[in-house]
Amino acid sequence: MICDEVEDLAGALPAHAPLIGLDLGDKTIGVAISDVMQSVASPVETIRRKKFGVDAERLLQIVADRQAGGIILGLPRNMDGSEGPRCQKTRAFARNLSRLTELPIGFWDERLSTVAAERALIEADTSRAKRAEKIDNVAASFILQGFLDRLRNLRAGA
């Protein structure tokens, strides 16, 4: 099930299960996970992209191992809010993934998440080589954390 609106996704997610956050790139997929209370996101790993079937198999293994209740994909909107070819790729990935899992899948605007991740790694005095290794899963945690913060606000107002 794919939910385009955050409110619809919030209603479809279990209350006490970790969520998976993804930062999809052409060469890698950054993966992050939340705690069971859905309050804090943490980087998990970076998957080197091969082909969809192999990538999806690894993602679904992480989902199963962590008993995740939903998947949040970073949606790479343009700075003016419009959607370009990268958004179309992300939506196609979500459609293909939804054929393999019953979990709710949603999107979170990822503008500037990689910039924020890079800044955080620099502030942590991470070497350039280590930053290159970690940037994608740290960006995934920024994406997921943004969604978790919004989810908390939605549930508090309900």
N, C-alpha and C. Protein backbone atom coordinates (compact mmCIF):
# COMPACT_ATOMS: atom_id res chain seq x y z
N MET A 1 0.84 -1.17 0.00
CA MET A 1 0.00 0.00 0.00
C MET A 1 0.89 1.25 0.00
N ILE A 2 0.68 2.10 -0.97
CA ILE A 2 1.44 3.34 -1.06
C ILE A 2 0.53 4.50 -0.64
N CYS A 3 1.02 5.31 0.27
CA CYS A 3 0.28 6.49 0.74
C CYS A 3 1.02 7.74 0.30
N ASP A 4 0.35 8.59 -0.45
CA ASP A 4 0.97 9.83 -0.90
C ASP A 4 0.94 10.91 0.17
N GLU A 5 -0.08 10.88 1.01
CA GLU A 5 -0.24 11.91 2.04
C GLU A 5 0.25 11.38 3.39
N VAL A 6 0.96 12.22 4.12
CA VAL A 6 1.49 11.84 5.44
C VAL A 6 0.36 11.42 6.37
N GLU A 7 -0.77 12.11 6.31
CA GLU A 7 -1.90 11.80 7.19
C GLU A 7 -2.43 10.39 6.91
N ASP A 8 -2.51 10.02 5.63
CA ASP A 8 -2.98 8.67 5.27
C ASP A 8 -2.00 7.62 5.76
N LEU A 9 -0.71 7.90 5.59
CA LEU A 9 0.31 6.96 6.03
C LEU A 9 0.28 6.80 7.55
N ALA A 10 0.11 7.90 8.26
CA ALA A 10 0.06 7.86 9.73
C ALA A 10 -1.04 6.92 10.20
N GLY A 11 -2.18 6.94 9.52
CA GLY A 11 -3.30 6.07 9.88
C GLY A 11 -3.05 4.61 9.55
N ALA A 12 -2.17 4.34 8.61
CA ALA A 12 -1.90 2.97 8.17
C ALA A 12 -0.77 2.31 8.96
N LEU A 13 0.00 3.09 9.70
CA LEU A 13 1.17 2.55 10.41
C LEU A 13 0.79 2.00 11.78
N PRO A 14 1.40 0.87 12.17
CA PRO A 14 1.21 0.39 13.55
C PRO A 14 1.88 1.37 14.52
N ALA A 15 1.33 1.46 15.72
CA ALA A 15 1.85 2.44 16.69
C ALA A 15 3.17 2.03 17.33
N HIS A 16 3.42 0.74 17.46
CA HIS A 16 4.61 0.30 18.19
C HIS A 16 5.44 -0.67 17.38
N ALA A 17 5.95 -0.20 16.27
CA ALA A 17 6.86 -0.99 15.43
C ALA A 17 7.86 -0.03 14.81
N PRO A 18 9.09 -0.47 14.64
CA PRO A 18 10.07 0.40 13.99
C PRO A 18 9.67 0.72 12.56
N LEU A 19 10.12 1.85 12.08
CA LEU A 19 9.93 2.23 10.69
C LEU A 19 11.28 2.29 10.01
N ILE A 20 11.28 1.99 8.72
CA ILE A 20 12.50 2.03 7.91
C ILE A 20 12.47 3.30 7.07
N GLY A 21 13.59 4.01 7.03
CA GLY A 21 13.73 5.18 6.17
C GLY A 21 14.75 4.89 5.08
N LEU A 22 14.46 5.32 3.86
CA LEU A 22 15.35 5.06 2.73
C LEU A 22 15.73 6.34 2.01
N ASP A 23 17.01 6.45 1.69
CA ASP A 23 17.51 7.52 0.83
C ASP A 23 17.99 6.83 -0.45
N LEU A 24 17.15 6.88 -1.49
CA LEU A 24 17.47 6.20 -2.75
C LEU A 24 18.39 7.04 -3.60
N GLY A 25 19.47 6.44 -4.02
CA GLY A 25 20.37 7.08 -4.97
C GLY A 25 20.55 6.17 -6.16
N ASP A 26 21.26 6.63 -7.16
CA ASP A 26 21.50 5.81 -8.34
C ASP A 26 22.45 4.66 -8.04
N LYS A 27 23.40 4.88 -7.12
CA LYS A 27 24.41 3.87 -6.83
C LYS A 27 24.23 3.20 -5.47
N THR A 28 23.53 3.86 -4.56
CA THR A 28 23.37 3.34 -3.21
C THR A 28 21.97 3.60 -2.68
N ILE A 29 21.63 2.86 -1.64
CA ILE A 29 20.40 3.11 -0.88
C ILE A 29 20.81 3.23 0.58
N GLY A 30 20.61 4.41 1.15
CA GLY A 30 20.85 4.60 2.57
C GLY A 30 19.66 4.08 3.34
N VAL A 31 19.92 3.36 4.43
CA VAL A 31 18.86 2.75 5.23
C VAL A 31 18.99 3.22 6.67
N ALA A 32 17.87 3.62 7.24
CA ALA A 32 17.80 4.01 8.65
C ALA A 32 16.60 3.31 9.27
N ILE A 33 16.60 3.23 10.59
CA ILE A 33 15.48 2.61 11.30
C ILE A 33 15.14 3.44 12.53
N SER A 34 13.87 3.39 12.92
CA SER A 34 13.46 4.06 14.15
C SER A 34 13.40 3.05 15.28
N ASP A 35 13.28 3.55 16.48
CA ASP A 35 13.01 2.70 17.63
C ASP A 35 11.53 2.27 17.57
N VAL A 36 11.11 1.36 18.44
CA VAL A 36 9.73 0.87 18.38
C VAL A 36 8.72 1.94 18.75
N MET A 37 9.14 2.95 19.49
CA MET A 37 8.23 4.04 19.86
C MET A 37 8.12 5.10 18.76
N GLN A 38 8.89 4.91 17.71
CA GLN A 38 8.86 5.79 16.54
C GLN A 38 9.21 7.24 16.91
N SER A 39 10.28 7.36 17.71
CA SER A 39 10.68 8.71 18.09
C SER A 39 12.08 9.09 17.63
N VAL A 40 12.99 8.10 17.47
CA VAL A 40 14.37 8.40 17.10
C VAL A 40 14.81 7.54 15.92
N ALA A 41 15.41 8.17 14.93
CA ALA A 41 15.93 7.46 13.76
C ALA A 41 17.43 7.26 13.89
N SER A 42 17.90 6.10 13.46
CA SER A 42 19.34 5.79 13.49
C SER A 42 19.76 5.18 12.16
N PRO A 43 20.95 5.54 11.68
CA PRO A 43 21.45 4.94 10.43
C PRO A 43 21.70 3.45 10.63
N VAL A 44 21.45 2.65 9.59
CA VAL A 44 21.66 1.20 9.67
C VAL A 44 22.78 0.77 8.73
N GLU A 45 22.58 0.99 7.43
CA GLU A 45 23.59 0.57 6.46
C GLU A 45 23.35 1.27 5.13
N THR A 46 24.34 1.12 4.27
CA THR A 46 24.23 1.62 2.90
C THR A 46 24.32 0.41 1.98
N ILE A 47 23.30 0.25 1.16
CA ILE A 47 23.25 -0.87 0.21
C ILE A 47 23.80 -0.38 -1.12
N ARG A 48 24.77 -1.09 -1.67
CA ARG A 48 25.27 -0.80 -3.02
C ARG A 48 24.25 -1.34 -4.01
N ARG A 49 23.72 -0.46 -4.85
CA ARG A 49 22.68 -0.86 -5.80
C ARG A 49 23.23 -1.83 -6.83
N LYS A 50 22.45 -2.84 -7.13
CA LYS A 50 22.78 -3.80 -8.18
C LYS A 50 21.65 -3.78 -9.21
N LYS A 51 20.60 -4.53 -8.93
CA LYS A 51 19.38 -4.43 -9.73
C LYS A 51 18.22 -4.51 -8.75
N PHE A 52 17.03 -4.14 -9.20
CA PHE A 52 15.91 -4.00 -8.27
C PHE A 52 15.69 -5.25 -7.43
N GLY A 53 15.67 -6.43 -8.05
CA GLY A 53 15.39 -7.66 -7.32
C GLY A 53 16.36 -7.90 -6.17
N VAL A 54 17.63 -7.68 -6.42
CA VAL A 54 18.66 -7.87 -5.39
C VAL A 54 18.52 -6.81 -4.30
N ASP A 55 18.31 -5.56 -4.72
CA ASP A 55 18.15 -4.47 -3.76
C ASP A 55 16.93 -4.70 -2.88
N ALA A 56 15.81 -5.07 -3.50
CA ALA A 56 14.56 -5.30 -2.75
C ALA A 56 14.72 -6.46 -1.78
N GLU A 57 15.41 -7.50 -2.21
CA GLU A 57 15.62 -8.66 -1.33
C GLU A 57 16.37 -8.24 -0.07
N ARG A 58 17.41 -7.42 -0.23
CA ARG A 58 18.17 -6.96 0.94
C ARG A 58 17.30 -6.07 1.83
N LEU A 59 16.56 -5.15 1.22
CA LEU A 59 15.69 -4.26 1.99
C LEU A 59 14.65 -5.05 2.79
N LEU A 60 14.02 -6.01 2.13
CA LEU A 60 12.98 -6.79 2.80
C LEU A 60 13.58 -7.68 3.89
N GLN A 61 14.84 -8.07 3.74
CA GLN A 61 15.51 -8.82 4.79
C GLN A 61 15.71 -7.93 6.02
N ILE A 62 16.11 -6.68 5.80
CA ILE A 62 16.26 -5.72 6.90
C ILE A 62 14.91 -5.50 7.58
N VAL A 63 13.86 -5.31 6.77
CA VAL A 63 12.51 -5.11 7.29
C VAL A 63 12.11 -6.29 8.18
N ALA A 64 12.35 -7.50 7.69
CA ALA A 64 11.97 -8.70 8.46
C ALA A 64 12.82 -8.82 9.73
N ASP A 65 14.13 -8.62 9.61
CA ASP A 65 15.01 -8.74 10.77
C ASP A 65 14.65 -7.75 11.86
N ARG A 66 14.25 -6.56 11.46
CA ARG A 66 13.95 -5.49 12.42
C ARG A 66 12.46 -5.42 12.78
N GLN A 67 11.65 -6.28 12.16
CA GLN A 67 10.20 -6.31 12.38
C GLN A 67 9.58 -4.93 12.16
N ALA A 68 9.95 -4.31 11.05
CA ALA A 68 9.48 -2.96 10.74
C ALA A 68 8.00 -2.96 10.36
N GLY A 69 7.36 -1.86 10.64
CA GLY A 69 5.93 -1.72 10.36
C GLY A 69 5.61 -0.81 9.20
N GLY A 70 6.62 -0.21 8.58
CA GLY A 70 6.38 0.68 7.44
C GLY A 70 7.69 1.17 6.86
N ILE A 71 7.59 1.70 5.65
CA ILE A 71 8.77 2.16 4.92
C ILE A 71 8.54 3.59 4.46
N ILE A 72 9.52 4.46 4.73
CA ILE A 72 9.46 5.86 4.33
C ILE A 72 10.58 6.11 3.33
N LEU A 73 10.22 6.55 2.13
CA LEU A 73 11.22 6.87 1.11
C LEU A 73 11.38 8.37 1.01
N GLY A 74 12.62 8.81 0.96
CA GLY A 74 12.87 10.23 0.72
C GLY A 74 12.45 10.57 -0.71
N LEU A 75 11.66 11.62 -0.85
CA LEU A 75 11.20 12.07 -2.17
C LEU A 75 12.01 13.30 -2.56
N PRO A 76 12.87 13.15 -3.57
CA PRO A 76 13.81 14.23 -3.92
C PRO A 76 13.17 15.32 -4.79
N ARG A 77 12.33 16.12 -4.16
CA ARG A 77 11.68 17.22 -4.88
C ARG A 77 12.72 18.27 -5.27
N ASN A 78 12.39 19.03 -6.31
CA ASN A 78 13.22 20.18 -6.68
C ASN A 78 13.05 21.25 -5.62
N MET A 79 13.97 22.21 -5.58
CA MET A 79 13.90 23.24 -4.54
C MET A 79 12.62 24.06 -4.60
N ASP A 80 11.98 24.14 -5.78
CA ASP A 80 10.71 24.88 -5.89
C ASP A 80 9.51 24.00 -5.52
N GLY A 81 9.76 22.76 -5.09
CA GLY A 81 8.68 21.86 -4.68
C GLY A 81 8.15 20.97 -5.79
N SER A 82 8.56 21.22 -7.01
CA SER A 82 8.08 20.41 -8.13
C SER A 82 8.78 19.05 -8.14
N GLU A 83 8.21 18.13 -8.90
CA GLU A 83 8.79 16.79 -9.01
C GLU A 83 9.42 16.59 -10.37
N GLY A 84 10.65 16.13 -10.38
CA GLY A 84 11.36 15.87 -11.62
C GLY A 84 11.60 14.38 -11.82
N PRO A 85 12.55 14.06 -12.68
CA PRO A 85 12.85 12.65 -12.99
C PRO A 85 13.27 11.81 -11.78
N ARG A 86 13.98 12.40 -10.83
CA ARG A 86 14.39 11.63 -9.64
C ARG A 86 13.17 11.23 -8.79
N CYS A 87 12.17 12.10 -8.72
CA CYS A 87 10.94 11.75 -8.00
C CYS A 87 10.22 10.61 -8.72
N GLN A 88 10.20 10.66 -10.04
CA GLN A 88 9.56 9.60 -10.81
C GLN A 88 10.25 8.26 -10.56
N LYS A 89 11.60 8.26 -10.48
CA LYS A 89 12.34 7.03 -10.17
C LYS A 89 11.98 6.51 -8.78
N THR A 90 11.87 7.41 -7.82
CA THR A 90 11.54 7.01 -6.46
C THR A 90 10.13 6.44 -6.39
N ARG A 91 9.20 7.07 -7.07
CA ARG A 91 7.81 6.56 -7.09
C ARG A 91 7.74 5.20 -7.78
N ALA A 92 8.52 5.01 -8.85
CA ALA A 92 8.55 3.71 -9.54
C ALA A 92 9.13 2.64 -8.61
N PHE A 93 10.18 2.99 -7.87
CA PHE A 93 10.77 2.05 -6.91
C PHE A 93 9.72 1.66 -5.87
N ALA A 94 8.97 2.63 -5.36
CA ALA A 94 7.93 2.36 -4.36
C ALA A 94 6.85 1.44 -4.94
N ARG A 95 6.43 1.69 -6.18
CA ARG A 95 5.42 0.82 -6.81
C ARG A 95 5.93 -0.61 -6.92
N ASN A 96 7.16 -0.78 -7.37
CA ASN A 96 7.73 -2.11 -7.51
C ASN A 96 7.88 -2.79 -6.14
N LEU A 97 8.32 -2.04 -5.13
CA LEU A 97 8.47 -2.60 -3.79
C LEU A 97 7.12 -2.98 -3.20
N SER A 98 6.09 -2.20 -3.48
CA SER A 98 4.76 -2.48 -2.91
C SER A 98 4.19 -3.79 -3.43
N ARG A 99 4.69 -4.27 -4.55
CA ARG A 99 4.24 -5.57 -5.08
C ARG A 99 4.84 -6.73 -4.28
N LEU A 100 5.87 -6.43 -3.49
CA LEU A 100 6.59 -7.47 -2.75
C LEU A 100 6.31 -7.47 -1.26
N THR A 101 5.61 -6.46 -0.77
CA THR A 101 5.33 -6.35 0.67
C THR A 101 3.96 -5.74 0.90
N GLU A 102 3.36 -6.12 2.02
CA GLU A 102 2.08 -5.57 2.44
C GLU A 102 2.25 -4.30 3.28
N LEU A 103 3.50 -4.00 3.67
CA LEU A 103 3.74 -2.85 4.54
C LEU A 103 3.34 -1.55 3.87
N PRO A 104 2.82 -0.60 4.66
CA PRO A 104 2.56 0.73 4.11
C PRO A 104 3.86 1.41 3.71
N ILE A 105 3.84 2.06 2.57
CA ILE A 105 4.99 2.78 2.04
C ILE A 105 4.57 4.22 1.83
N GLY A 106 5.39 5.14 2.30
CA GLY A 106 5.09 6.55 2.13
C GLY A 106 6.33 7.34 1.75
N PHE A 107 6.13 8.62 1.56
CA PHE A 107 7.20 9.51 1.10
C PHE A 107 7.39 10.66 2.08
N TRP A 108 8.62 11.16 2.12
CA TRP A 108 8.93 12.35 2.91
C TRP A 108 9.85 13.23 2.08
N ASP A 109 9.54 14.50 2.01
CA ASP A 109 10.33 15.47 1.25
C ASP A 109 11.75 15.47 1.79
N GLU A 110 12.70 15.11 0.94
CA GLU A 110 14.08 14.99 1.41
C GLU A 110 14.97 16.17 1.03
N ARG A 111 14.39 17.27 0.59
CA ARG A 111 15.23 18.40 0.21
C ARG A 111 16.20 18.75 1.34
N LEU A 112 17.44 18.87 0.97
CA LEU A 112 18.53 19.27 1.86
C LEU A 112 18.92 18.23 2.92
N SER A 113 18.36 17.01 2.86
CA SER A 113 18.74 16.00 3.85
C SER A 113 20.20 15.60 3.70
N THR A 114 20.69 15.49 2.48
CA THR A 114 22.09 15.13 2.27
C THR A 114 23.01 16.26 2.75
N VAL A 115 22.59 17.50 2.53
CA VAL A 115 23.37 18.64 3.00
C VAL A 115 23.45 18.62 4.53
N ALA A 116 22.31 18.35 5.18
CA ALA A 116 22.29 18.28 6.64
C ALA A 116 23.14 17.12 7.15
N ALA A 117 23.07 15.99 6.46
CA ALA A 117 23.86 14.83 6.86
C ALA A 117 25.35 15.12 6.73
N GLU A 118 25.73 15.75 5.62
CA GLU A 118 27.14 16.11 5.39
C GLU A 118 27.63 17.06 6.50
N ARG A 119 26.81 18.04 6.83
CA ARG A 119 27.17 19.00 7.87
C ARG A 119 27.35 18.30 9.22
N ALA A 120 26.44 17.38 9.54
CA ALA A 120 26.54 16.65 10.81
C ALA A 120 27.80 15.80 10.86
N LEU A 121 28.15 15.16 9.76
CA LEU A 121 29.36 14.33 9.73
C LEU A 121 30.61 15.19 9.83
N ILE A 122 30.60 16.36 9.22
CA ILE A 122 31.75 17.27 9.33
C ILE A 122 31.89 17.75 10.77
N GLU A 123 30.77 18.11 11.39
CA GLU A 123 30.81 18.56 12.78
C GLU A 123 31.30 17.46 13.71
N ALA A 124 31.05 16.20 13.34
CA ALA A 124 31.53 15.07 14.14
C ALA A 124 32.98 14.73 13.80
N ASP A 125 33.61 15.57 12.98
CA ASP A 125 35.01 15.41 12.60
C ASP A 125 35.27 14.07 11.90
N THR A 126 34.33 13.70 11.04
CA THR A 126 34.45 12.46 10.27
C THR A 126 35.32 12.73 9.04
N SER A 127 36.25 11.84 8.78
CA SER A 127 37.15 12.02 7.64
C SER A 127 36.35 11.98 6.33
N ARG A 128 36.92 12.54 5.29
CA ARG A 128 36.26 12.58 3.98
C ARG A 128 35.90 11.17 3.51
N ALA A 129 36.81 10.21 3.68
CA ALA A 129 36.55 8.83 3.25
C ALA A 129 35.39 8.22 4.04
N LYS A 130 35.37 8.44 5.35
CA LYS A 130 34.27 7.91 6.18
C LYS A 130 32.95 8.60 5.85
N ARG A 131 33.01 9.91 5.55
CA ARG A 131 31.78 10.62 5.17
C ARG A 131 31.19 10.00 3.92
N ALA A 132 32.02 9.69 2.94
CA ALA A 132 31.53 9.09 1.70
C ALA A 132 30.84 7.76 1.97
N GLU A 133 31.37 7.00 2.94
CA GLU A 133 30.78 5.71 3.31
C GLU A 133 29.44 5.87 4.02
N LYS A 134 29.33 6.88 4.86
CA LYS A 134 28.19 7.01 5.76
C LYS A 134 27.12 7.99 5.32
N ILE A 135 27.39 8.82 4.33
CA ILE A 135 26.49 9.91 3.99
C ILE A 135 25.07 9.44 3.66
N ASP A 136 24.95 8.33 2.95
CA ASP A 136 23.62 7.89 2.52
C ASP A 136 22.76 7.38 3.66
N ASN A 137 23.34 6.59 4.57
CA ASN A 137 22.49 6.12 5.66
C ASN A 137 22.24 7.22 6.70
N VAL A 138 23.16 8.16 6.83
CA VAL A 138 22.90 9.31 7.70
C VAL A 138 21.81 10.19 7.09
N ALA A 139 21.84 10.38 5.77
CA ALA A 139 20.77 11.12 5.09
C ALA A 139 19.43 10.41 5.28
N ALA A 140 19.43 9.07 5.22
CA ALA A 140 18.21 8.30 5.45
C ALA A 140 17.67 8.55 6.85
N SER A 141 18.58 8.68 7.83
CA SER A 141 18.12 8.93 9.20
C SER A 141 17.54 10.35 9.32
N PHE A 142 18.07 11.32 8.58
CA PHE A 142 17.49 12.67 8.59
C PHE A 142 16.09 12.64 7.96
N ILE A 143 15.94 11.89 6.87
CA ILE A 143 14.63 11.75 6.22
C ILE A 143 13.63 11.13 7.20
N LEU A 144 14.03 10.00 7.79
CA LEU A 144 13.14 9.30 8.71
C LEU A 144 12.83 10.15 9.93
N GLN A 145 13.82 10.87 10.46
CA GLN A 145 13.57 11.70 11.64
C GLN A 145 12.57 12.81 11.34
N GLY A 146 12.68 13.40 10.17
CA GLY A 146 11.70 14.42 9.77
C GLY A 146 10.29 13.86 9.76
N PHE A 147 10.15 12.67 9.20
CA PHE A 147 8.84 12.02 9.18
C PHE A 147 8.37 11.71 10.60
N LEU A 148 9.24 11.17 11.44
CA LEU A 148 8.87 10.82 12.82
C LEU A 148 8.39 12.04 13.60
N ASP A 149 9.07 13.16 13.40
CA ASP A 149 8.67 14.40 14.09
C ASP A 149 7.27 14.82 13.65
N ARG A 150 7.01 14.73 12.36
CA ARG A 150 5.68 15.07 11.83
C ARG A 150 4.63 14.10 12.36
N LEU A 151 4.97 12.81 12.37
CA LEU A 151 4.05 11.78 12.87
C LEU A 151 3.69 12.05 14.32
N ARG A 152 4.68 12.40 15.12
CA ARG A 152 4.43 12.70 16.54
C ARG A 152 3.46 13.87 16.68
N ASN A 153 3.65 14.91 15.86
CA ASN A 153 2.74 16.06 15.90
C ASN A 153 1.33 15.69 15.46
N LEU A 154 1.22 14.84 14.44
CA LEU A 154 -0.10 14.40 13.98
C LEU A 154 -0.82 13.61 15.07
N ARG A 155 -0.10 12.70 15.71
CA ARG A 155 -0.71 11.86 16.74
C ARG A 155 -1.05 12.67 18.00
N ALA A 156 -0.25 13.69 18.29
CA ALA A 156 -0.54 14.54 19.46
C ALA A 156 -1.79 15.37 19.23
N GLY A 157 -2.03 15.75 17.97
CA GLY A 157 -3.20 16.56 17.66
C GLY A 157 -4.47 15.76 17.47
N ALA A 158 -4.34 14.43 17.43
CA ALA A 158 -5.51 13.57 17.16
C ALA A 158 -6.38 13.39 18.39
